[in-house]
Structure formats: structure tokens, C-alpha cells
Amino acid sequence: MLYRFLKLVQASEIQSLFDLSRALGISMDMVLRMAQELSSRGYLQEMDLNCGETNNSCHDCSAGRSCQVFSRSWILTQKGIAAVSAQ
């Protein structure tokens, strides 16, 4: 299930809590716990979603149009990319 979680994040670069919950068929609470576990292991990084409020630099952001400001979203770290690529 954790590998599938990472694959879903990789496919869209970032995913919201709701999107991941729906795609995995599990509760949002379970998705949050999985994301926290993967983050603590270094596979995921939570997006800093207040970035646009402080410096108005959304147009330069690497998340581009997939950003969902003010919802919890994640991107893969280099370790996460390597883990998904290794499978």
C-alpha cells in the first residue's frame, strides 16, 4: 500500500489528502498516517502551502498548476523517487 501511495504521488507530482484517500479507497485519516510515516522515513515532503502568501512567487513555483494551496499536499523526495523507480 505504501508503494502504491508513492506511485500515486509520483504520477501527479503532488496529491491532496482527499485525492489520495479516494484513489486508495481508504480514509483520509489513514492517508494522513501513511503520509506522516513516509515523510518521517524521508520518502515524502509536505508542500509548504503558505508560500504564495508570503512572497507572491507562485508563478515561479515548481509545483506549477498542480498546487492546491491551503490543502495538505505532498511531493516525492529524491529518496521517494528512487524507491518508486527501483520497483
Protein backbone atom coordinates (compact mmCIF):
# COMPACT_ATOMS: atom_id res chain seq x y z
CA MET A 1 0.00 0.00 0.00
CA LEU A 2 2.86 2.42 0.78
CA TYR A 3 4.41 1.77 -2.64
CA ARG A 4 1.05 2.46 -4.30
CA PHE A 5 0.79 5.68 -2.30
CA LEU A 6 4.20 6.77 -3.62
CA LYS A 7 3.26 5.81 -7.19
CA LEU A 8 0.12 7.95 -7.00
CA VAL A 9 2.08 10.93 -5.76
CA GLN A 10 4.67 10.39 -8.49
CA ALA A 11 2.01 10.22 -11.20
CA SER A 12 0.68 13.68 -10.37
CA GLU A 13 3.76 15.13 -8.67
CA ILE A 14 1.59 16.16 -5.72
CA GLN A 15 -1.72 14.89 -4.38
CA SER A 16 -4.17 16.24 -1.85
CA LEU A 17 -5.27 14.23 1.15
CA PHE A 18 -8.74 13.83 -0.35
CA ASP A 19 -7.43 12.72 -3.76
CA LEU A 20 -5.18 10.09 -2.22
CA SER A 21 -7.95 8.85 0.05
CA ARG A 22 -10.29 8.38 -2.88
CA ALA A 23 -7.67 6.74 -5.11
CA LEU A 24 -6.53 4.29 -2.42
CA GLY A 25 -10.02 3.55 -1.11
CA ILE A 26 -9.07 4.33 2.48
CA SER A 27 -10.00 7.02 5.00
CA MET A 28 -8.34 10.43 4.97
CA ASP A 29 -7.08 9.69 8.48
CA MET A 30 -5.27 6.59 7.20
CA VAL A 31 -3.80 8.56 4.28
CA LEU A 32 -2.54 11.17 6.72
CA ARG A 33 -0.92 8.49 8.88
CA MET A 34 0.70 6.91 5.82
CA ALA A 35 1.96 10.30 4.62
CA GLN A 36 3.41 11.07 8.03
CA GLU A 37 5.16 7.70 8.11
CA LEU A 38 6.58 8.14 4.61
CA SER A 39 7.65 11.68 5.49
CA SER A 40 9.41 10.54 8.65
CA ARG A 41 11.27 7.91 6.58
CA GLY A 42 12.33 10.55 4.06
CA TYR A 43 10.22 9.44 1.06
CA LEU A 44 7.78 12.37 1.03
CA GLN A 45 7.88 16.05 1.77
CA GLU A 46 4.79 18.06 2.62
CA MET A 47 4.36 21.13 0.46
CA ASP A 48 4.72 24.50 2.19
CA LEU A 49 1.33 25.77 1.16
CA ASN A 50 1.72 29.23 2.64
CA CYS A 51 4.48 30.07 0.21
CA GLY A 52 2.22 32.18 -2.02
CA GLU A 53 1.05 34.29 0.91
CA THR A 54 4.50 35.40 1.95
CA ASN A 55 6.34 36.12 -1.25
CA ASN A 56 3.90 36.13 -4.18
CA SER A 57 6.14 33.76 -6.10
CA CYS A 58 3.57 31.16 -7.15
CA HIS A 59 4.35 31.79 -10.82
CA ASP A 60 7.94 30.57 -10.22
CA CYS A 61 6.96 27.51 -8.19
CA SER A 62 7.98 24.07 -9.48
CA ALA A 63 4.58 22.66 -8.47
CA GLY A 64 3.03 24.73 -11.23
CA ARG A 65 -0.68 24.39 -11.82
CA SER A 66 -0.99 21.23 -9.71
CA CYS A 67 -0.63 23.21 -6.47
CA GLN A 68 -3.62 23.12 -4.16
CA VAL A 69 -2.89 25.96 -1.78
CA PHE A 70 -4.42 25.59 1.68
CA SER A 71 -4.88 21.81 1.49
CA ARG A 72 -2.34 19.22 2.59
CA SER A 73 -0.29 18.00 -0.36
CA TRP A 74 2.96 16.12 -0.79
CA ILE A 75 5.79 15.67 -3.26
CA LEU A 76 8.31 12.85 -3.51
CA THR A 77 11.80 13.43 -2.19
CA GLN A 78 14.82 12.11 -4.09
CA LYS A 79 14.65 9.02 -1.87
CA GLY A 80 10.98 8.56 -2.79
CA ILE A 81 11.73 8.91 -6.50
CA ALA A 82 14.48 6.32 -6.21
CA ALA A 83 12.21 3.91 -4.34
CA VAL A 84 9.48 4.14 -7.00
CA SER A 85 11.99 3.85 -9.84
CA ALA A 86 13.58 0.75 -8.30
CA GLN A 87 10.38 -1.31 -8.50
